[in-house]
Amino acid sequence: MTEEHEFKGFPKIPRLKRPVVITEKIDGTNAQVYISEDMGVIKAGSKNRWITPENDNYGFARWVMVHENELRELGPGRHFGEWWGSGIQRRYNIEGKRFSLFNTQRWSDERPDCCDVVPVLYHGEFSTEAVENQLERLRTKGSAASAGFMDPEGIVCYMAASRSMFKVTVNDDEKPKGI
């Protein structure tokens, strides 16, 4: 039987009114730390490619190299986050750069000292009111990641039921990026 004639069932539809974690969307550059199963190999990556200190992305590969021993505490796997701060996108009025992990549940308590976690703004049942409340909080109080910075990018909603992320920007969310 050819693939085009194979039966494929309709996927289960996740429920909308389920737990959501709303975090601040930090405006930096997407980054990842890869640690091999035997923890012998550590690699730095951007959103689209592996990077090295010679072919870097805002110094992230060099930072990974410097913090290699600490980063092993993350354990085997791919650890995604935002590389942000001085010289990257909005800069956030901070000196230096930071790596903030996206997985707030896994890294909320213990993690290497060299890593931060994106700030959790809300954890509860999904509602459009919760989304709007967190956007308004960012508009009026500024960034939770960098106190006093009054131009935060927006939020990311992680929907646990579908294991999906959605972003909403504070300004011009209705416009496609780059317009």
Protein backbone atom coordinates (compact mmCIF):
# COMPACT_ATOMS: atom_id res chain seq x y z
CA MET A 1 0.00 0.00 0.00
CA THR A 2 1.39 3.41 -0.92
CA GLU A 3 1.79 6.14 1.66
CA GLU A 4 -0.94 8.23 0.05
CA HIS A 5 -3.46 5.42 0.69
CA GLU A 6 -2.46 4.74 4.29
CA PHE A 7 -5.10 5.62 6.84
CA LYS A 8 -4.20 8.55 9.07
CA GLY A 9 -6.45 9.42 11.97
CA PHE A 10 -7.33 12.95 12.96
CA PRO A 11 -5.06 14.15 15.81
CA LYS A 12 -6.45 14.76 19.28
CA ILE A 13 -7.28 18.43 19.85
CA PRO A 14 -5.82 19.86 23.08
CA ARG A 15 -8.14 21.88 25.31
CA LEU A 16 -7.63 25.64 25.45
CA LYS A 17 -8.63 26.23 29.07
CA ARG A 18 -5.71 24.37 30.57
CA PRO A 19 -2.54 25.44 32.37
CA VAL A 20 -0.42 28.12 30.74
CA VAL A 21 2.90 29.61 31.77
CA ILE A 22 3.37 33.19 30.60
CA THR A 23 6.97 34.39 30.54
CA GLU A 24 8.61 37.58 29.42
CA LYS A 25 9.75 37.47 25.78
CA ILE A 26 13.27 38.81 25.98
CA ASP A 27 14.56 40.52 22.84
CA GLY A 28 17.99 39.03 22.30
CA THR A 29 19.06 36.14 20.10
CA ASN A 30 17.97 32.52 20.35
CA ALA A 31 20.71 30.22 21.64
CA GLN A 32 21.24 26.63 22.65
CA VAL A 33 23.75 24.59 24.58
CA TYR A 34 24.06 20.98 23.42
CA ILE A 35 25.58 18.42 25.79
CA SER A 36 26.20 14.89 24.51
CA GLU A 37 24.88 11.85 26.37
CA ASP A 38 28.34 11.08 27.81
CA MET A 39 28.75 14.83 28.56
CA GLY A 40 32.05 14.84 26.66
CA VAL A 41 30.85 17.15 23.89
CA ILE A 42 29.44 20.62 24.50
CA LYS A 43 28.36 22.74 21.53
CA ALA A 44 26.91 26.20 21.15
CA GLY A 45 24.14 26.92 18.68
CA SER A 46 22.10 29.82 17.42
CA LYS A 47 18.53 29.51 16.14
CA ASN A 48 19.69 28.06 12.81
CA ARG A 49 23.24 26.73 13.10
CA TRP A 50 26.14 25.53 15.23
CA ILE A 51 28.47 28.36 16.15
CA THR A 52 32.11 28.52 17.22
CA PRO A 53 34.26 31.26 18.76
CA GLU A 54 35.61 31.87 15.22
CA ASN A 55 32.12 32.02 13.66
CA ASP A 56 30.13 33.33 16.63
CA ASN A 57 26.74 34.89 17.33
CA TYR A 58 27.20 37.92 19.64
CA GLY A 59 29.89 36.05 21.60
CA PHE A 60 27.69 33.15 22.72
CA ALA A 61 30.04 30.36 21.53
CA ARG A 62 32.94 32.01 23.34
CA TRP A 63 30.79 32.31 26.50
CA VAL A 64 29.89 28.59 26.27
CA MET A 65 33.58 27.72 25.94
CA VAL A 66 34.46 29.81 29.04
CA HIS A 67 31.59 28.29 31.09
CA GLU A 68 31.88 24.73 29.77
CA ASN A 69 32.42 23.08 33.17
CA GLU A 70 29.51 24.92 34.82
CA LEU A 71 27.21 24.19 31.87
CA ARG A 72 27.76 20.43 32.32
CA GLU A 73 25.48 20.79 35.37
CA LEU A 74 22.60 21.14 32.87
CA GLY A 75 23.09 17.48 31.94
CA PRO A 76 22.80 15.79 28.55
CA GLY A 77 20.45 17.27 25.96
CA ARG A 78 19.60 20.52 24.22
CA HIS A 79 19.12 23.51 26.46
CA PHE A 80 17.43 26.43 24.69
CA GLY A 81 17.37 30.01 25.87
CA GLU A 82 17.86 33.67 25.03
CA TRP A 83 21.32 35.29 24.80
CA TRP A 84 20.70 38.95 25.59
CA GLY A 85 22.10 42.17 26.97
CA SER A 86 24.76 44.65 25.96
CA GLY A 87 25.06 44.96 22.18
CA ILE A 88 22.13 42.62 21.35
CA GLN A 89 18.74 43.91 20.11
CA ARG A 90 17.15 46.06 22.89
CA ARG A 91 20.24 45.81 25.14
CA TYR A 92 18.10 46.16 28.32
CA ASN A 93 20.44 48.74 29.88
CA ILE A 94 22.67 46.05 31.38
CA GLU A 95 26.41 45.56 31.27
CA GLY A 96 27.49 42.28 29.76
CA LYS A 97 25.32 39.51 28.38
CA ARG A 98 23.14 36.83 29.97
CA PHE A 99 21.87 33.40 28.98
CA SER A 100 18.28 32.83 30.17
CA LEU A 101 16.91 29.31 29.81
CA PHE A 102 13.38 28.88 28.43
CA ASN A 103 12.37 25.78 30.43
CA THR A 104 11.06 27.52 33.54
CA GLN A 105 9.70 24.38 35.16
CA ARG A 106 12.96 22.44 34.93
CA TRP A 107 15.31 25.27 35.88
CA SER A 108 13.27 27.35 38.33
CA ASP A 109 15.30 26.32 41.38
CA GLU A 110 18.69 24.72 40.72
CA ARG A 111 20.83 25.58 37.72
CA PRO A 112 24.41 26.63 37.00
CA ASP A 113 25.28 30.06 38.40
CA CYS A 114 26.12 31.28 34.89
CA CYS A 115 22.52 30.74 33.70
CA ASP A 116 19.34 32.69 34.34
CA VAL A 117 15.76 31.66 33.49
CA VAL A 118 13.23 33.78 31.60
CA PRO A 119 10.93 35.48 34.15
CA VAL A 120 7.57 33.79 34.82
CA LEU A 121 4.86 36.44 34.85
CA TYR A 122 1.83 34.16 35.29
CA HIS A 123 1.10 30.49 35.88
CA GLY A 124 -2.52 29.34 35.84
CA GLU A 125 -5.44 28.59 33.57
CA PHE A 126 -5.27 30.14 30.11
CA SER A 127 -7.47 33.16 29.46
CA THR A 128 -7.21 36.14 27.18
CA GLU A 129 -7.58 38.27 30.31
CA ALA A 130 -4.40 36.71 31.77
CA VAL A 131 -2.57 37.51 28.52
CA GLU A 132 -3.80 41.12 28.48
CA ASN A 133 -2.98 41.58 32.17
CA GLN A 134 0.64 40.52 31.65
CA LEU A 135 1.04 42.76 28.60
CA GLU A 136 -0.31 45.69 30.60
CA ARG A 137 2.05 44.82 33.46
CA LEU A 138 5.01 45.02 31.04
CA ARG A 139 3.73 48.31 29.57
CA THR A 140 3.36 50.00 32.96
CA LYS A 141 6.09 48.38 35.09
CA GLY A 142 8.65 47.49 32.43
CA SER A 143 10.77 44.40 32.06
CA ALA A 144 10.82 41.72 34.77
CA ALA A 145 14.16 40.51 33.39
CA SER A 146 15.86 43.90 33.74
CA ALA A 147 14.38 46.18 36.41
CA GLY A 148 13.81 49.71 35.19
CA PHE A 149 13.92 48.84 31.49
CA MET A 150 10.67 50.29 30.10
CA ASP A 151 10.64 48.89 26.54
CA PRO A 152 10.10 45.12 26.94
CA GLU A 153 9.30 43.07 23.85
CA GLY A 154 6.34 41.01 25.02
CA ILE A 155 5.32 37.62 26.36
CA VAL A 156 5.49 33.94 25.48
CA CYS A 157 2.58 31.67 26.41
CA TYR A 158 3.54 28.02 26.89
CA MET A 159 0.42 25.87 26.57
CA ALA A 160 1.14 22.66 28.45
CA ALA A 161 -1.75 20.66 26.90
CA SER A 162 -0.37 21.09 23.37
CA ARG A 163 3.29 21.65 24.28
CA SER A 164 3.14 24.79 22.14
CA MET A 165 4.48 28.30 22.53
CA PHE A 166 2.84 31.49 21.27
CA LYS A 167 4.23 35.00 21.50
CA VAL A 168 2.49 38.33 21.82
CA THR A 169 4.40 41.58 21.51
CA VAL A 170 3.67 44.66 23.60
CA ASN A 171 3.62 46.92 20.52
CA ASP A 172 2.39 46.24 16.97
CA ASP A 173 1.56 42.57 17.58
CA GLU A 174 -0.89 42.64 14.67
CA LYS A 175 1.91 43.50 12.20
CA PRO A 176 4.22 40.86 10.69
CA LYS A 177 7.85 41.10 11.87
CA GLY A 178 9.92 43.62 9.93
CA ILE A 179 7.08 45.94 8.91
